[in-house]
C-alpha atoms as a PDB file:
ATOM      1  CA  MET A   1     -26.708 -97.976 168.894  1.00  0.00           C
ATOM      2  CA  ARG A   2     -29.197-100.805 169.037  1.00  0.00           C
ATOM      3  CA  SER A   3     -32.017 -98.401 169.892  1.00  0.00           C
ATOM      4  CA  LEU A   4     -31.105 -96.142 166.944  1.00  0.00           C
ATOM      5  CA  ARG A   5     -31.220 -99.135 164.597  1.00  0.00           C
ATOM      6  CA  ALA A   6     -34.588-100.165 166.001  1.00  0.00           C
ATOM      7  CA  LEU A   7     -35.993 -96.635 165.717  1.00  0.00           C
ATOM      8  CA  ALA A   8     -34.782 -96.321 162.134  1.00  0.00           C
ATOM      9  CA  ALA A   9     -36.272 -99.679 161.147  1.00  0.00           C
ATOM     10  CA  VAL A  10     -39.633 -98.956 162.797  1.00  0.00           C
ATOM     11  CA  ALA A  11     -39.829 -95.467 161.297  1.00  0.00           C
ATOM     12  CA  LEU A  12     -38.959 -96.764 157.821  1.00  0.00           C
ATOM     13  CA  VAL A  13     -41.523 -99.570 157.910  1.00  0.00           C
ATOM     14  CA  ALA A  14     -44.148 -97.206 159.328  1.00  0.00           C
ATOM     15  CA  LEU A  15     -43.409 -94.706 156.557  1.00  0.00           C
ATOM     16  CA  ILE A  16     -43.854 -97.411 153.915  1.00  0.00           C
ATOM     17  CA  VAL A  17     -47.173 -98.480 155.443  1.00  0.00           C
ATOM     18  CA  LEU A  18     -48.294 -94.857 155.795  1.00  0.00           C
ATOM     19  CA  SER A  19     -47.452 -94.065 152.170  1.00  0.00           C
ATOM     20  CA  LEU A  20     -49.406 -97.045 150.877  1.00  0.00           C
ATOM     21  CA  ALA A  21     -52.405 -96.549 153.147  1.00  0.00           C
ATOM     22  CA  TRP A  22     -52.523 -92.810 152.456  1.00  0.00           C
ATOM     23  CA  GLU A  23     -52.525 -93.067 148.676  1.00  0.00           C
ATOM     24  CA  LEU A  24     -54.641 -96.214 148.356  1.00  0.00           C
ATOM     25  CA  TRP A  25     -57.310 -95.925 151.072  1.00  0.00           C
ATOM     26  CA  LEU A  26     -57.163 -93.115 153.603  1.00  0.00           C
ATOM     27  CA  ALA A  27     -56.949 -89.920 151.501  1.00  0.00           C
ATOM     28  CA  PRO A  28     -55.954 -90.705 147.897  1.00  0.00           C
ATOM     29  CA  LEU A  29     -55.696 -87.944 145.320  1.00  0.00           C
ATOM     30  CA  ARG A  30     -58.195 -89.833 143.152  1.00  0.00           C
ATOM     31  CA  LEU A  31     -61.149 -91.939 144.235  1.00  0.00           C
ATOM     32  CA  GLY A  32     -60.201 -95.607 144.396  1.00  0.00           C
ATOM     33  CA  GLY A  33     -56.490 -95.005 144.899  1.00  0.00           C
ATOM     34  CA  SER A  34     -53.662 -93.147 143.294  1.00  0.00           C
ATOM     35  CA  LEU A  35     -50.489 -94.111 141.486  1.00  0.00           C
ATOM     36  CA  LEU A  36     -48.764 -91.849 143.975  1.00  0.00           C
ATOM     37  CA  ALA A  37     -48.680 -94.983 146.141  1.00  0.00           C
ATOM     38  CA  LEU A  38     -45.600 -95.909 144.124  1.00  0.00           C
ATOM     39  CA  LYS A  39     -43.721 -93.392 146.256  1.00  0.00           C
ATOM     40  CA  ALA A  40     -43.366 -96.233 148.770  1.00  0.00           C
ATOM     41  CA  LEU A  41     -41.082 -98.193 146.428  1.00  0.00           C
ATOM     42  CA  PRO A  42     -37.919 -96.110 146.981  1.00  0.00           C
ATOM     43  CA  LEU A  43     -38.427 -96.566 150.715  1.00  0.00           C
ATOM     44  CA  ALA A  44     -38.218-100.333 150.268  1.00  0.00           C
ATOM     45  CA  LEU A  45     -34.729-100.108 148.730  1.00  0.00           C
ATOM     46  CA  PRO A  46     -32.820 -99.393 151.963  1.00  0.00           C
ATOM     47  CA  LEU A  47     -34.936-101.712 154.117  1.00  0.00           C
ATOM     48  CA  GLY A  48     -32.593-104.715 153.860  1.00  0.00           C
ATOM     49  CA  GLY A  49     -29.508-102.661 154.657  1.00  0.00           C
ATOM     50  CA  VAL A  50     -31.218-100.927 157.543  1.00  0.00           C
ATOM     51  CA  LEU A  51     -32.312-104.219 159.053  1.00  0.00           C
ATOM     52  CA  ALA A  52     -28.786-105.614 158.579  1.00  0.00           C
ATOM     53  CA  GLY A  53     -27.193-102.547 160.181  1.00  0.00           C
ATOM     54  CA  ARG A  54     -25.108-101.512 157.174  1.00  0.00           C
ATOM     55  CA  ARG A  55     -23.640 -98.071 157.862  1.00  0.00           C
ATOM     56  CA  TYR A  56     -23.485 -97.087 154.183  1.00  0.00           C
ATOM     57  CA  THR A  57     -27.223 -97.730 153.795  1.00  0.00           C
ATOM     58  CA  TYR A  58     -27.954 -95.444 156.722  1.00  0.00           C
ATOM     59  CA  GLN A  59     -25.806 -92.747 155.141  1.00  0.00           C
ATOM     60  CA  TRP A  60     -27.412 -92.660 151.690  1.00  0.00           C
ATOM     61  CA  SER A  61     -30.942 -93.325 152.898  1.00  0.00           C
ATOM     62  CA  SER A  62     -30.737 -90.315 155.214  1.00  0.00           C
ATOM     63  CA  LEU A  63     -30.557 -88.226 152.030  1.00  0.00           C
ATOM     64  CA  LEU A  64     -33.406 -90.148 150.405  1.00  0.00           C
ATOM     65  CA  ILE A  65     -35.701 -89.521 153.359  1.00  0.00           C
ATOM     66  CA  LEU A  66     -35.410 -85.758 153.000  1.00  0.00           C
ATOM     67  CA  GLY A  67     -37.653 -85.938 149.919  1.00  0.00           C
ATOM     68  CA  TYR A  68     -40.397 -87.462 152.041  1.00  0.00           C
ATOM     69  CA  PHE A  69     -39.899 -84.761 154.645  1.00  0.00           C
ATOM     70  CA  ALA A  70     -40.286 -82.096 151.943  1.00  0.00           C
ATOM     71  CA  GLU A  71     -43.430 -83.764 150.585  1.00  0.00           C
ATOM     72  CA  GLY A  72     -44.932 -83.965 154.056  1.00  0.00           C
ATOM     73  CA  VAL A  73     -44.277 -80.308 154.809  1.00  0.00           C
ATOM     74  CA  THR A  74     -45.671 -79.232 151.432  1.00  0.00           C
ATOM     75  CA  ARG A  75     -48.799 -81.339 151.703  1.00  0.00           C
ATOM     76  CA  ALA A  76     -49.368 -80.350 155.337  1.00  0.00           C
ATOM     77  CA  ALA A  77     -49.473 -76.734 154.207  1.00  0.00           C
ATOM     78  CA  ALA A  78     -51.588 -77.372 151.103  1.00  0.00           C
ATOM     79  CA  GLU A  79     -54.149 -79.949 152.224  1.00  0.00           C
ATOM     80  CA  ALA A  80     -56.831 -80.120 154.877  1.00  0.00           C
ATOM     81  CA  GLY A  81     -58.468 -82.723 157.073  1.00  0.00           C
ATOM     82  CA  THR A  82     -57.202 -86.287 156.984  1.00  0.00           C
ATOM     83  CA  ALA A  83     -54.566 -85.539 154.366  1.00  0.00           C
ATOM     84  CA  ARG A  84     -53.057 -82.845 156.585  1.00  0.00           C
ATOM     85  CA  ALA A  85     -52.842 -85.245 159.527  1.00  0.00           C
ATOM     86  CA  LEU A  86     -51.238 -87.897 157.334  1.00  0.00           C
ATOM     87  CA  ALA A  87     -48.744 -85.334 156.041  1.00  0.00           C
ATOM     88  CA  ALA A  88     -47.864 -84.404 159.624  1.00  0.00           C
ATOM     89  CA  ALA A  89     -47.311 -88.087 160.380  1.00  0.00           C
ATOM     90  CA  GLU A  90     -45.051 -88.328 157.327  1.00  0.00           C
ATOM     91  CA  VAL A  91     -43.021 -85.377 158.603  1.00  0.00           C
ATOM     92  CA  ALA A  92     -42.703 -86.930 162.065  1.00  0.00           C
ATOM     93  CA  LEU A  93     -41.680 -90.349 160.722  1.00  0.00           C
ATOM     94  CA  SER A  94     -39.188 -88.912 158.267  1.00  0.00           C
ATOM     95  CA  LEU A  95     -37.599 -86.802 161.022  1.00  0.00           C
ATOM     96  CA  ALA A  96     -37.445 -89.826 163.331  1.00  0.00           C
ATOM     97  CA  TYR A  97     -35.768 -91.888 160.620  1.00  0.00           C
ATOM     98  CA  PHE A  98     -33.355 -89.107 159.688  1.00  0.00           C
ATOM     99  CA  GLY A  99     -32.289 -88.563 163.285  1.00  0.00           C
ATOM    100  CA  ALA A 100     -31.840 -92.275 163.939  1.00  0.00           C
ATOM    101  CA  ALA A 101     -29.971 -92.871 160.669  1.00  0.00           C
ATOM    102  CA  VAL A 102     -27.590 -89.954 161.147  1.00  0.00           C
ATOM    103  CA  GLY A 103     -27.048 -90.916 164.783  1.00  0.00           C
ATOM    104  CA  PHE A 104     -26.306 -94.535 163.895  1.00  0.00           C
ATOM    105  CA  ALA A 105     -23.967 -93.558 161.050  1.00  0.00           C
ATOM    106  CA  ARG A 106     -22.099 -91.198 163.335  1.00  0.00           C
ATOM    107  CA  LEU A 107     -21.752 -93.664 166.206  1.00  0.00           C
ATOM    108  CA  SER A 108     -20.715 -96.559 163.970  1.00  0.00           C
ATOM    109  CA  ARG A 109     -17.911 -94.751 162.131  1.00  0.00           C
ATOM    110  CA  ALA A 110     -14.366 -96.011 162.448  1.00  0.00           C
ATOM    111  CA  ARG A 111     -12.344 -94.331 165.164  1.00  0.00           C
END
């Protein structure tokens, strides 16, 4: 269970960093940065609960992360170059978080 918590925390933090870097510096929609960087804010909401190991946070955040998965798949299909690679990274990180969160929630349930 400890490894699932660690994987979820690392994937969530990496997804926050990726979202900010993508929309502000690496491949923003507009030159100089994009307000789409605000998409990182909802990811910050479950961070405290994930780090504390709260089962309920893992449960609801596993639903939240599916929006990032959908965005990554859509943008991977629609964009090219750096943006496509960043979208693929978003898909990979969101899948890693989802798997770890669901696994932790399942293993930590009351018997």
